[in-house]
PDB file of all heavy atoms in Angstrom:
ATOM      1  N   GLY A   1      92.325  99.890 107.136  1.00  0.00           N
ATOM      2  CA  GLY A   1      91.282  99.431 108.202  1.00  0.00           C
ATOM      3  C   GLY A   1      91.236 100.585 109.299  1.00  0.00           C
ATOM      4  O   GLY A   1      91.955 101.520 109.365  1.00  0.00           O
ATOM      5  N   ILE A   2      90.112 100.518 110.056  1.00  0.00           N
ATOM      6  CA  ILE A   2      89.814 101.502 111.071  1.00  0.00           C
ATOM      7  C   ILE A   2      89.181 100.871 112.310  1.00  0.00           C
ATOM      8  O   ILE A   2      88.243 100.072 112.016  1.00  0.00           O
ATOM      9  CB  ILE A   2      89.066 102.806 110.513  1.00  0.00           C
ATOM     10  CG1 ILE A   2      88.954 103.851 111.530  1.00  0.00           C
ATOM     11  CG2 ILE A   2      87.674 102.321 110.001  1.00  0.00           C
ATOM     12  CD1 ILE A   2      88.421 105.077 111.040  1.00  0.00           C
ATOM     13  N   THR A   3      89.555 101.156 113.373  1.00  0.00           N
ATOM     14  CA  THR A   3      88.923 100.534 114.606  1.00  0.00           C
ATOM     15  C   THR A   3      87.807 101.474 115.037  1.00  0.00           C
ATOM     16  O   THR A   3      87.650 102.545 114.599  1.00  0.00           O
ATOM     17  CB  THR A   3      89.970 100.352 115.771  1.00  0.00           C
ATOM     18  OG1 THR A   3      90.484 101.757 116.166  1.00  0.00           O
ATOM     19  CG2 THR A   3      91.180  99.589 115.378  1.00  0.00           C
ATOM     20  N   ARG A   4      87.069 100.972 116.050  1.00  0.00           N
ATOM     21  CA  ARG A   4      86.021 101.867 116.493  1.00  0.00           C
ATOM     22  C   ARG A   4      86.423 103.159 117.172  1.00  0.00           C
ATOM     23  O   ARG A   4      85.724 104.058 117.001  1.00  0.00           O
ATOM     24  CB  ARG A   4      85.200 101.085 117.538  1.00  0.00           C
ATOM     25  CG  ARG A   4      83.857 101.735 117.985  1.00  0.00           C
ATOM     26  CD  ARG A   4      83.038 100.801 118.911  1.00  0.00           C
ATOM     27  NE  ARG A   4      81.919 101.524 119.332  1.00  0.00           N
ATOM     28  CZ  ARG A   4      80.763 101.600 118.688  1.00  0.00           C
ATOM     29  NH1 ARG A   4      80.668 100.976 117.439  1.00  0.00           N
ATOM     30  NH2 ARG A   4      79.747 102.296 119.061  1.00  0.00           N
ATOM     31  N   ASP A   5      87.657 103.177 117.721  1.00  0.00           N
ATOM     32  CA  ASP A   5      88.193 104.274 118.359  1.00  0.00           C
ATOM     33  C   ASP A   5      88.884 105.283 117.300  1.00  0.00           C
ATOM     34  O   ASP A   5      89.403 106.358 117.698  1.00  0.00           O
ATOM     35  CB  ASP A   5      89.129 104.071 119.621  1.00  0.00           C
ATOM     36  CG  ASP A   5      90.417 103.322 119.100  1.00  0.00           C
ATOM     37  OD1 ASP A   5      90.666 103.239 117.985  1.00  0.00           O
ATOM     38  OD2 ASP A   5      91.118 103.018 120.049  1.00  0.00           O
ATOM     39  N   GLY A   6      88.910 104.863 116.137  1.00  0.00           N
ATOM     40  CA  GLY A   6      89.474 105.813 114.981  1.00  0.00           C
ATOM     41  C   GLY A   6      90.884 105.451 114.562  1.00  0.00           C
ATOM     42  O   GLY A   6      91.390 106.133 113.771  1.00  0.00           O
ATOM     43  N   SER A   7      91.581 104.453 115.197  1.00  0.00           N
ATOM     44  CA  SER A   7      92.878 104.181 114.766  1.00  0.00           C
ATOM     45  C   SER A   7      92.811 103.502 113.297  1.00  0.00           C
ATOM     46  O   SER A   7      92.032 102.782 113.011  1.00  0.00           O
ATOM     47  CB  SER A   7      93.536 103.141 115.717  1.00  0.00           C
ATOM     48  OG  SER A   7      93.716 103.617 117.006  1.00  0.00           O
ATOM     49  N   THR A   8      93.839 103.885 112.505  1.00  0.00           N
ATOM     50  CA  THR A   8      93.797 103.511 111.094  1.00  0.00           C
ATOM     51  C   THR A   8      95.040 102.759 110.665  1.00  0.00           C
ATOM     52  O   THR A   8      96.079 103.115 111.332  1.00  0.00           O
ATOM     53  CB  THR A   8      93.572 104.705 110.225  1.00  0.00           C
ATOM     54  OG1 THR A   8      94.605 105.806 110.288  1.00  0.00           O
ATOM     55  CG2 THR A   8      92.221 105.348 110.438  1.00  0.00           C
ATOM     56  N   ASN A   9      95.110 102.138 109.595  1.00  0.00           N
ATOM     57  CA  ASN A   9      96.203 101.498 109.052  1.00  0.00           C
ATOM     58  C   ASN A   9      96.010 101.332 107.600  1.00  0.00           C
ATOM     59  O   ASN A   9      94.846 101.330 107.025  1.00  0.00           O
ATOM     60  CB  ASN A   9      96.518 100.089 109.666  1.00  0.00           C
ATOM     61  CG  ASN A   9      95.411  99.080 109.493  1.00  0.00           C
ATOM     62  OD1 ASN A   9      95.366  98.481 108.321  1.00  0.00           O
ATOM     63  ND2 ASN A   9      94.546  98.818 110.410  1.00  0.00           N
ATOM     64  N   TYR A  10      97.091 101.377 106.773  1.00  0.00           N
ATOM     65  CA  TYR A  10      97.082 101.419 105.330  1.00  0.00           C
ATOM     66  C   TYR A  10      98.107 100.476 104.789  1.00  0.00           C
ATOM     67  O   TYR A  10      99.174 100.286 105.362  1.00  0.00           O
ATOM     68  CB  TYR A  10      97.330 102.775 104.801  1.00  0.00           C
ATOM     69  CG  TYR A  10      96.200 103.808 105.206  1.00  0.00           C
ATOM     70  CD1 TYR A  10      96.500 104.650 106.409  1.00  0.00           C
ATOM     71  CD2 TYR A  10      95.085 104.107 104.517  1.00  0.00           C
ATOM     72  CE1 TYR A  10      95.535 105.567 106.724  1.00  0.00           C
ATOM     73  CE2 TYR A  10      94.222 104.941 104.904  1.00  0.00           C
ATOM     74  CZ  TYR A  10      94.338 105.769 106.015  1.00  0.00           C
ATOM     75  OH  TYR A  10      93.419 106.706 106.399  1.00  0.00           O
ATOM     76  N   ALA A  11      97.776  99.904 103.636  1.00  0.00           N
ATOM     77  CA  ALA A  11      98.768  99.240 102.877  1.00  0.00           C
ATOM     78  C   ALA A  11      99.753 100.161 102.394  1.00  0.00           C
ATOM     79  O   ALA A  11      99.550 101.340 102.104  1.00  0.00           O
ATOM     80  CB  ALA A  11      98.208  98.513 101.677  1.00  0.00           C
ATOM     81  N   ASP A  12     101.067  99.709 102.210  1.00  0.00           N
ATOM     82  CA  ASP A  12     102.079 100.651 101.867  1.00  0.00           C
ATOM     83  C   ASP A  12     101.818 101.171 100.434  1.00  0.00           C
ATOM     84  O   ASP A  12     102.211 102.384 100.202  1.00  0.00           O
ATOM     85  CB  ASP A  12     103.418  99.851 101.770  1.00  0.00           C
ATOM     86  CG  ASP A  12     103.998  99.586 103.049  1.00  0.00           C
ATOM     87  OD1 ASP A  12     103.551 100.195 104.098  1.00  0.00           O
ATOM     88  OD2 ASP A  12     104.975  98.606 103.270  1.00  0.00           O
ATOM     89  N   SER A  13     101.216 100.492  99.622  1.00  0.00           N
ATOM     90  CA  SER A  13     100.802 100.866  98.212  1.00  0.00           C
ATOM     91  C   SER A  13      99.916 102.059  98.096  1.00  0.00           C
ATOM     92  O   SER A  13      99.789 102.715  97.003  1.00  0.00           O
ATOM     93  CB  SER A  13     100.410  99.750  97.428  1.00  0.00           C
ATOM     94  OG  SER A  13      99.190  99.245  97.943  1.00  0.00           O
ATOM     95  N   VAL A  14      99.068 102.286  99.235  1.00  0.00           N
ATOM     96  CA  VAL A  14      98.081 103.420  99.137  1.00  0.00           C
ATOM     97  C   VAL A  14      98.380 104.474 100.153  1.00  0.00           C
ATOM     98  O   VAL A  14      97.719 105.450 100.251  1.00  0.00           O
ATOM     99  CB  VAL A  14      96.706 102.754  99.400  1.00  0.00           C
ATOM    100  CG1 VAL A  14      96.386 101.704  98.450  1.00  0.00           C
ATOM    101  CG2 VAL A  14      96.451 102.379 100.777  1.00  0.00           C
ATOM    102  N   GLN A  15      99.410 104.308 100.967  1.00  0.00           N
ATOM    103  CA  GLN A  15      99.725 105.287 102.026  1.00  0.00           C
ATOM    104  C   GLN A  15     100.021 106.620 101.408  1.00  0.00           C
ATOM    105  O   GLN A  15     100.681 106.802 100.445  1.00  0.00           O
ATOM    106  CB  GLN A  15     100.992 104.867 102.743  1.00  0.00           C
ATOM    107  CG  GLN A  15     101.545 105.695 103.931  1.00  0.00           C
ATOM    108  CD  GLN A  15     100.462 105.506 105.141  1.00  0.00           C
ATOM    109  OE1 GLN A  15     100.245 104.381 105.472  1.00  0.00           O
ATOM    110  NE2 GLN A  15     100.116 106.592 105.681  1.00  0.00           N
ATOM    111  N   GLY A  16      99.358 107.630 101.959  1.00  0.00           N
ATOM    112  CA  GLY A  16      99.481 108.954 101.452  1.00  0.00           C
ATOM    113  C   GLY A  16      98.526 109.350 100.403  1.00  0.00           C
ATOM    114  O   GLY A  16      98.376 110.494 100.020  1.00  0.00           O
ATOM    115  N   ARG A  17      97.831 108.351  99.810  1.00  0.00           N
ATOM    116  CA  ARG A  17      96.883 108.671  98.773  1.00  0.00           C
ATOM    117  C   ARG A  17      95.392 108.319  99.131  1.00  0.00           C
ATOM    118  O   ARG A  17      94.489 108.924  98.699  1.00  0.00           O
ATOM    119  CB  ARG A  17      97.186 107.821  97.516  1.00  0.00           C
ATOM    120  CG  ARG A  17      98.602 108.130  96.975  1.00  0.00           C
ATOM    121  CD  ARG A  17      98.833 107.302  95.626  1.00  0.00           C
ATOM    122  NE  ARG A  17      98.779 105.917  95.727  1.00  0.00           N
ATOM    123  CZ  ARG A  17      97.941 105.106  95.229  1.00  0.00           C
ATOM    124  NH1 ARG A  17      97.029 105.571  94.425  1.00  0.00           N
ATOM    125  NH2 ARG A  17      97.918 103.777  95.510  1.00  0.00           N
ATOM    126  N   PHE A  18      95.236 107.309  99.990  1.00  0.00           N
ATOM    127  CA  PHE A  18      93.890 106.861 100.348  1.00  0.00           C
ATOM    128  C   PHE A  18      93.758 107.313 101.846  1.00  0.00           C
ATOM    129  O   PHE A  18      94.570 107.280 102.629  1.00  0.00           O
ATOM    130  CB  PHE A  18      93.704 105.360 100.310  1.00  0.00           C
ATOM    131  CG  PHE A  18      93.652 104.787  98.911  1.00  0.00           C
ATOM    132  CD1 PHE A  18      94.015 105.598  97.890  1.00  0.00           C
ATOM    133  CD2 PHE A  18      93.343 103.489  98.685  1.00  0.00           C
ATOM    134  CE1 PHE A  18      93.948 105.095  96.560  1.00  0.00           C
ATOM    135  CE2 PHE A  18      93.295 102.920  97.452  1.00  0.00           C
ATOM    136  CZ  PHE A  18      93.579 103.754  96.313  1.00  0.00           C
ATOM    137  N   THR A  19      92.414 107.645 102.226  1.00  0.00           N
ATOM    138  CA  THR A  19      92.108 107.932 103.602  1.00  0.00           C
ATOM    139  C   THR A  19      90.857 107.194 104.008  1.00  0.00           C
ATOM    140  O   THR A  19      89.894 107.282 103.314  1.00  0.00           O
ATOM    141  CB  THR A  19      91.880 109.432 103.815  1.00  0.00           C
ATOM    142  OG1 THR A  19      93.022 110.193 103.443  1.00  0.00           O
ATOM    143  CG2 THR A  19      91.539 109.755 105.276  1.00  0.00           C
ATOM    144  N   ILE A  20      90.862 106.400 105.050  1.00  0.00           N
ATOM    145  CA  ILE A  20      89.671 105.720 105.621  1.00  0.00           C
ATOM    146  C   ILE A  20      89.138 106.422 106.740  1.00  0.00           C
ATOM    147  O   ILE A  20      89.929 107.043 107.542  1.00  0.00           O
ATOM    148  CB  ILE A  20      90.111 104.324 105.920  1.00  0.00           C
ATOM    149  CG1 ILE A  20      88.848 103.421 106.317  1.00  0.00           C
ATOM    150  CG2 ILE A  20      91.079 104.271 107.138  1.00  0.00           C
ATOM    151  CD1 ILE A  20      89.042 101.944 106.499  1.00  0.00           C
ATOM    152  N   SER A  21      87.810 106.527 106.803  1.00  0.00           N
ATOM    153  CA  SER A  21      87.186 107.145 107.884  1.00  0.00           C
ATOM    154  C   SER A  21      85.881 106.525 108.211  1.00  0.00           C
ATOM    155  O   SER A  21      85.395 105.561 107.417  1.00  0.00           O
ATOM    156  CB  SER A  21      86.864 108.684 107.662  1.00  0.00           C
ATOM    157  OG  SER A  21      86.047 108.842 106.470  1.00  0.00           O
ATOM    158  N   ARG A  22      85.247 106.858 109.254  1.00  0.00           N
ATOM    159  CA  ARG A  22      83.866 106.138 109.612  1.00  0.00           C
ATOM    160  C   ARG A  22      83.051 107.138 110.371  1.00  0.00           C
ATOM    161  O   ARG A  22      83.538 108.099 111.023  1.00  0.00           O
ATOM    162  CB  ARG A  22      84.149 104.861 110.460  1.00  0.00           C
ATOM    163  CG  ARG A  22      84.767 105.107 111.877  1.00  0.00           C
ATOM    164  CD  ARG A  22      85.023 103.843 112.595  1.00  0.00           C
ATOM    165  NE  ARG A  22      83.876 103.018 112.836  1.00  0.00           N
ATOM    166  CZ  ARG A  22      83.922 101.698 113.349  1.00  0.00           C
ATOM    167  NH1 ARG A  22      85.128 101.237 113.414  1.00  0.00           N
ATOM    168  NH2 ARG A  22      82.770 101.069 113.617  1.00  0.00           N
ATOM    169  N   ASP A  23      81.800 106.815 110.280  1.00  0.00           N
ATOM    170  CA  ASP A  23      80.761 107.529 111.055  1.00  0.00           C
ATOM    171  C   ASP A  23      80.019 106.471 111.757  1.00  0.00           C
ATOM    172  O   ASP A  23      79.196 105.813 111.339  1.00  0.00           O
ATOM    173  CB  ASP A  23      79.867 108.340 110.096  1.00  0.00           C
ATOM    174  CG  ASP A  23      78.804 109.209 110.855  1.00  0.00           C
ATOM    175  OD1 ASP A  23      78.565 108.869 112.035  1.00  0.00           O
ATOM    176  OD2 ASP A  23      78.428 110.229 110.338  1.00  0.00           O
ATOM    177  N   THR A  24      80.458 106.460 113.000  1.00  0.00           N
ATOM    178  CA  THR A  24      79.940 105.306 113.782  1.00  0.00           C
ATOM    179  C   THR A  24      78.307 105.435 113.975  1.00  0.00           C
ATOM    180  O   THR A  24      77.775 104.425 113.995  1.00  0.00           O
ATOM    181  CB  THR A  24      80.551 105.299 115.297  1.00  0.00           C
ATOM    182  OG1 THR A  24      81.979 105.135 115.078  1.00  0.00           O
ATOM    183  CG2 THR A  24      80.112 104.095 116.119  1.00  0.00           C
ATOM    184  N   ALA A  25      77.965 106.628 114.105  1.00  0.00           N
ATOM    185  CA  ALA A  25      76.501 106.811 114.344  1.00  0.00           C
ATOM    186  C   ALA A  25      75.672 106.285 113.199  1.00  0.00           C
ATOM    187  O   ALA A  25      74.512 105.965 113.274  1.00  0.00           O
ATOM    188  CB  ALA A  25      76.119 108.265 114.655  1.00  0.00           C
ATOM    189  N   LYS A  26      76.315 106.372 111.937  1.00  0.00           N
ATOM    190  CA  LYS A  26      75.607 106.003 110.742  1.00  0.00           C
ATOM    191  C   LYS A  26      76.053 104.628 110.283  1.00  0.00           C
ATOM    192  O   LYS A  26      75.607 104.174 109.218  1.00  0.00           O
ATOM    193  CB  LYS A  26      75.923 107.048 109.577  1.00  0.00           C
ATOM    194  CG  LYS A  26      75.418 108.389 109.782  1.00  0.00           C
ATOM    195  CD  LYS A  26      75.784 109.268 108.711  1.00  0.00           C
ATOM    196  CE  LYS A  26      75.297 110.694 108.817  1.00  0.00           C
ATOM    197  NZ  LYS A  26      75.694 111.674 107.751  1.00  0.00           N
ATOM    198  N   ASN A  27      76.821 104.011 111.106  1.00  0.00           N
ATOM    199  CA  ASN A  27      77.353 102.607 110.741  1.00  0.00           C
ATOM    200  C   ASN A  27      77.877 102.592 109.367  1.00  0.00           C
ATOM    201  O   ASN A  27      77.788 101.571 108.643  1.00  0.00           O
ATOM    202  CB  ASN A  27      76.177 101.558 110.723  1.00  0.00           C
ATOM    203  CG  ASN A  27      75.605 101.431 112.180  1.00  0.00           C
ATOM    204  OD1 ASN A  27      76.343 101.616 113.203  1.00  0.00           O
ATOM    205  ND2 ASN A  27      74.350 101.194 112.310  1.00  0.00           N
ATOM    206  N   THR A  28      78.781 103.508 109.012  1.00  0.00           N
ATOM    207  CA  THR A  28      79.210 103.749 107.695  1.00  0.00           C
ATOM    208  C   THR A  28      80.789 103.916 107.753  1.00  0.00           C
ATOM    209  O   THR A  28      81.232 104.666 108.575  1.00  0.00           O
ATOM    210  CB  THR A  28      78.601 104.991 106.939  1.00  0.00           C
ATOM    211  OG1 THR A  28      77.169 104.635 106.932  1.00  0.00           O
ATOM    212  CG2 THR A  28      79.096 105.102 105.588  1.00  0.00           C
ATOM    213  N   VAL A  29      81.419 103.343 106.769  1.00  0.00           N
ATOM    214  CA  VAL A  29      82.911 103.537 106.608  1.00  0.00           C
ATOM    215  C   VAL A  29      83.130 104.087 105.127  1.00  0.00           C
ATOM    216  O   VAL A  29      82.323 103.673 104.185  1.00  0.00           O
ATOM    217  CB  VAL A  29      83.678 102.224 106.834  1.00  0.00           C
ATOM    218  CG1 VAL A  29      83.274 101.181 105.708  1.00  0.00           C
ATOM    219  CG2 VAL A  29      85.132 102.431 106.747  1.00  0.00           C
ATOM    220  N   TYR A  30      84.030 104.912 105.021  1.00  0.00           N
ATOM    221  CA  TYR A  30      84.385 105.534 103.781  1.00  0.00           C
ATOM    222  C   TYR A  30      85.898 105.337 103.346  1.00  0.00           C
ATOM    223  O   TYR A  30      86.745 105.080 104.159  1.00  0.00           O
ATOM    224  CB  TYR A  30      84.184 107.115 103.789  1.00  0.00           C
ATOM    225  CG  TYR A  30      82.885 107.442 104.385  1.00  0.00           C
ATOM    226  CD1 TYR A  30      82.736 107.771 105.797  1.00  0.00           C
ATOM    227  CD2 TYR A  30      81.817 107.606 103.493  1.00  0.00           C
ATOM    228  CE1 TYR A  30      81.449 108.126 106.157  1.00  0.00           C
ATOM    229  CE2 TYR A  30      80.606 108.111 103.947  1.00  0.00           C
ATOM    230  CZ  TYR A  30      80.330 108.246 105.332  1.00  0.00           C
ATOM    231  OH  TYR A  30      79.125 108.663 105.846  1.00  0.00           O
ATOM    232  N   LEU A  31      86.097 105.434 102.101  1.00  0.00           N
ATOM    233  CA  LEU A  31      87.455 105.287 101.586  1.00  0.00           C
ATOM    234  C   LEU A  31      87.632 106.308 100.564  1.00  0.00           C
ATOM    235  O   LEU A  31      87.106 106.248  99.438  1.00  0.00           O
ATOM    236  CB  LEU A  31      87.769 103.953 101.008  1.00  0.00           C
ATOM    237  CG  LEU A  31      89.173 103.771 100.518  1.00  0.00           C
ATOM    238  CD1 LEU A  31      90.167 103.757 101.727  1.00  0.00           C
ATOM    239  CD2 LEU A  31      89.508 102.512  99.681  1.00  0.00           C
ATOM    240  N   GLN A  32      88.413 107.452 100.870  1.00  0.00           N
ATOM    241  CA  GLN A  32      88.697 108.463  99.850  1.00  0.00           C
ATOM    242  C   GLN A  32      90.010 108.105  99.161  1.00  0.00           C
ATOM    243  O   GLN A  32      91.012 107.905  99.780  1.00  0.00           O
ATOM    244  CB  GLN A  32      88.936 109.859 100.583  1.00  0.00           C
ATOM    245  CG  GLN A  32      89.278 110.922  99.750  1.00  0.00           C
ATOM    246  CD  GLN A  32      88.277 111.367  98.681  1.00  0.00           C
ATOM    247  OE1 GLN A  32      87.056 111.541  99.111  1.00  0.00           O
ATOM    248  NE2 GLN A  32      88.493 111.510  97.516  1.00  0.00           N
ATOM    249  N   MET A  33      89.727 107.942  97.861  1.00  0.00           N
ATOM    250  CA  MET A  33      91.044 107.525  97.019  1.00  0.00           C
ATOM    251  C   MET A  33      91.475 108.677  96.093  1.00  0.00           C
ATOM    252  O   MET A  33      90.673 109.118  95.204  1.00  0.00           O
ATOM    253  CB  MET A  33      90.627 106.328  96.287  1.00  0.00           C
ATOM    254  CG  MET A  33      90.166 105.153  97.169  1.00  0.00           C
ATOM    255  SD  MET A  33      89.831 103.641  96.131  1.00  0.00           S
ATOM    256  CE  MET A  33      88.413 104.161  95.031  1.00  0.00           C
ATOM    257  N   ASN A  34      92.622 109.071  96.307  1.00  0.00           N
ATOM    258  CA  ASN A  34      93.108 110.252  95.406  1.00  0.00           C
ATOM    259  C   ASN A  34      94.389 109.695  94.653  1.00  0.00           C
ATOM    260  O   ASN A  34      94.945 108.623  95.073  1.00  0.00           O
ATOM    261  CB  ASN A  34      93.639 111.388  96.357  1.00  0.00           C
ATOM    262  CG  ASN A  34      92.381 112.050  97.041  1.00  0.00           C
ATOM    263  OD1 ASN A  34      91.265 112.046  96.599  1.00  0.00           O
ATOM    264  ND2 ASN A  34      92.668 112.658  98.287  1.00  0.00           N
ATOM    265  N   SER A  35      94.796 110.488  93.616  1.00  0.00           N
ATOM    266  CA  SER A  35      95.977 110.051  92.871  1.00  0.00           C
ATOM    267  C   SER A  35      95.921 108.674  92.458  1.00  0.00           C
ATOM    268  O   SER A  35      96.950 107.919  92.523  1.00  0.00           O
ATOM    269  CB  SER A  35      97.198 110.371  93.649  1.00  0.00           C
ATOM    270  OG  SER A  35      97.269 111.809  93.991  1.00  0.00           O
ATOM    271  N   LEU A  36      94.815 108.192  91.917  1.00  0.00           N
ATOM    272  CA  LEU A  36      94.629 106.816  91.478  1.00  0.00           C
ATOM    273  C   LEU A  36      95.536 106.443  90.371  1.00  0.00           C
ATOM    274  O   LEU A  36      95.837 107.205  89.446  1.00  0.00           O
ATOM    275  CB  LEU A  36      93.140 106.500  91.216  1.00  0.00           C
ATOM    276  CG  LEU A  36      92.182 106.480  92.360  1.00  0.00           C
ATOM    277  CD1 LEU A  36      90.824 106.672  91.900  1.00  0.00           C
ATOM    278  CD2 LEU A  36      92.391 105.137  93.051  1.00  0.00           C
ATOM    279  N   ARG A  37      95.937 105.095  90.383  1.00  0.00           N
ATOM    280  CA  ARG A  37      96.897 104.522  89.489  1.00  0.00           C
ATOM    281  C   ARG A  37      96.243 103.280  88.804  1.00  0.00           C
ATOM    282  O   ARG A  37      95.352 102.758  89.479  1.00  0.00           O
ATOM    283  CB  ARG A  37      98.123 104.231  90.180  1.00  0.00           C
ATOM    284  CG  ARG A  37      98.901 105.205  91.020  1.00  0.00           C
ATOM    285  CD  ARG A  37      99.844 104.660  91.903  1.00  0.00           C
ATOM    286  NE  ARG A  37     100.639 105.690  92.694  1.00  0.00           N
ATOM    287  CZ  ARG A  37     101.450 105.517  93.661  1.00  0.00           C
ATOM    288  NH1 ARG A  37     101.672 104.137  93.996  1.00  0.00           N
ATOM    289  NH2 ARG A  37     102.111 106.532  94.184  1.00  0.00           N
ATOM    290  N   PRO A  38      96.655 102.873  87.670  1.00  0.00           N
ATOM    291  CA  PRO A  38      96.111 101.739  87.036  1.00  0.00           C
ATOM    292  C   PRO A  38      96.150 100.459  87.970  1.00  0.00           C
ATOM    293  O   PRO A  38      95.294  99.683  87.998  1.00  0.00           O
ATOM    294  CB  PRO A  38      96.845 101.573  85.871  1.00  0.00           C
ATOM    295  CG  PRO A  38      97.333 102.887  85.454  1.00  0.00           C
ATOM    296  CD  PRO A  38      97.525 103.670  86.785  1.00  0.00           C
ATOM    297  N   GLU A  39      97.232 100.401  88.744  1.00  0.00           N
ATOM    298  CA  GLU A  39      97.439  99.294  89.678  1.00  0.00           C
ATOM    299  C   GLU A  39      96.406  99.295  90.837  1.00  0.00           C
ATOM    300  O   GLU A  39      96.335  98.182  91.567  1.00  0.00           O
ATOM    301  CB  GLU A  39      98.866  99.115  90.142  1.00  0.00           C
ATOM    302  CG  GLU A  39      99.362 100.420  90.829  1.00  0.00           C
ATOM    303  CD  GLU A  39     100.151 101.200  89.823  1.00  0.00           C
ATOM    304  OE1 GLU A  39      99.822 101.413  88.782  1.00  0.00           O
ATOM    305  OE2 GLU A  39     101.227 101.820  90.203  1.00  0.00           O
ATOM    306  N   ASP A  40      95.640 100.218  91.059  1.00  0.00           N
ATOM    307  CA  ASP A  40      94.622 100.332  92.013  1.00  0.00           C
ATOM    308  C   ASP A  40      93.332  99.685  91.527  1.00  0.00           C
ATOM    309  O   ASP A  40      92.349  99.531  92.305  1.00  0.00           O
ATOM    310  CB  ASP A  40      94.235 101.784  92.367  1.00  0.00           C
ATOM    311  CG  ASP A  40      95.452 102.491  93.171  1.00  0.00           C
ATOM    312  OD1 ASP A  40      96.095 101.845  93.904  1.00  0.00           O
ATOM    313  OD2 ASP A  40      95.616 103.676  92.764  1.00  0.00           O
ATOM    314  N   THR A  41      93.358  99.275  90.229  1.00  0.00           N
ATOM    315  CA  THR A  41      92.150  98.642  89.683  1.00  0.00           C
ATOM    316  C   THR A  41      91.871  97.350  90.355  1.00  0.00           C
ATOM    317  O   THR A  41      92.737  96.516  90.698  1.00  0.00           O
ATOM    318  CB  THR A  41      92.319  98.348  88.162  1.00  0.00           C
ATOM    319  OG1 THR A  41      92.423  99.681  87.478  1.00  0.00           O
ATOM    320  CG2 THR A  41      91.241  97.641  87.551  1.00  0.00           C
ATOM    321  N   GLY A  42      90.513  97.113  90.590  1.00  0.00           N
ATOM    322  CA  GLY A  42      90.126  95.826  91.287  1.00  0.00           C
ATOM    323  C   GLY A  42      88.670  95.989  91.778  1.00  0.00           C
ATOM    324  O   GLY A  42      88.134  97.071  91.708  1.00  0.00           O
ATOM    325  N   VAL A  43      88.203  94.937  92.423  1.00  0.00           N
ATOM    326  CA  VAL A  43      86.971  94.937  93.084  1.00  0.00           C
ATOM    327  C   VAL A  43      87.298  95.184  94.563  1.00  0.00           C
ATOM    328  O   VAL A  43      88.040  94.629  95.241  1.00  0.00           O
ATOM    329  CB  VAL A  43      86.279  93.604  93.015  1.00  0.00           C
ATOM    330  CG1 VAL A  43      84.908  93.683  93.755  1.00  0.00           C
ATOM    331  CG2 VAL A  43      85.898  93.166  91.548  1.00  0.00           C
ATOM    332  N   TYR A  44      86.631  96.259  95.086  1.00  0.00           N
ATOM    333  CA  TYR A  44      86.811  96.765  96.406  1.00  0.00           C
ATOM    334  C   TYR A  44      85.693  96.215  97.318  1.00  0.00           C
ATOM    335  O   TYR A  44      84.518  96.426  96.950  1.00  0.00           O
ATOM    336  CB  TYR A  44      86.828  98.324  96.436  1.00  0.00           C
ATOM    337  CG  TYR A  44      88.297  98.800  95.983  1.00  0.00           C
ATOM    338  CD1 TYR A  44      88.633  98.683  94.639  1.00  0.00           C
ATOM    339  CD2 TYR A  44      89.150  99.348  96.886  1.00  0.00           C
ATOM    340  CE1 TYR A  44      89.849  99.150  94.240  1.00  0.00           C
ATOM    341  CE2 TYR A  44      90.340  99.740  96.481  1.00  0.00           C
ATOM    342  CZ  TYR A  44      90.734  99.741  95.174  1.00  0.00           C
ATOM    343  OH  TYR A  44      91.951 100.139  94.787  1.00  0.00           O
ATOM    344  N   TYR A  45      86.022  95.704  98.376  1.00  0.00           N
ATOM    345  CA  TYR A  45      85.135  95.071  99.345  1.00  0.00           C
ATOM    346  C   TYR A  45      85.257  95.735 100.658  1.00  0.00           C
ATOM    347  O   TYR A  45      86.348  96.108 101.165  1.00  0.00           O
ATOM    348  CB  TYR A  45      85.326  93.648  99.512  1.00  0.00           C
ATOM    349  CG  TYR A  45      85.237  92.809  98.362  1.00  0.00           C
ATOM    350  CD1 TYR A  45      86.368  92.518  97.444  1.00  0.00           C
ATOM    351  CD2 TYR A  45      83.992  92.162  97.907  1.00  0.00           C
ATOM    352  CE1 TYR A  45      86.281  91.706  96.384  1.00  0.00           C
ATOM    353  CE2 TYR A  45      83.982  91.292  96.806  1.00  0.00           C
ATOM    354  CZ  TYR A  45      85.078  91.107  96.092  1.00  0.00           C
ATOM    355  OH  TYR A  45      85.001  90.367  94.996  1.00  0.00           O
TER     356      TYR A  45
END
């Protein structure tokens, strides 16, 4: 998750592998996922 001021939080299972960011001007949020594992499989919302 990410707040409007840029504060972030992560699930323990993705800490250090995933990075959330946002471009407020574009009303867009991103999730960079690295070192993916089979247990990361799922529908992402």
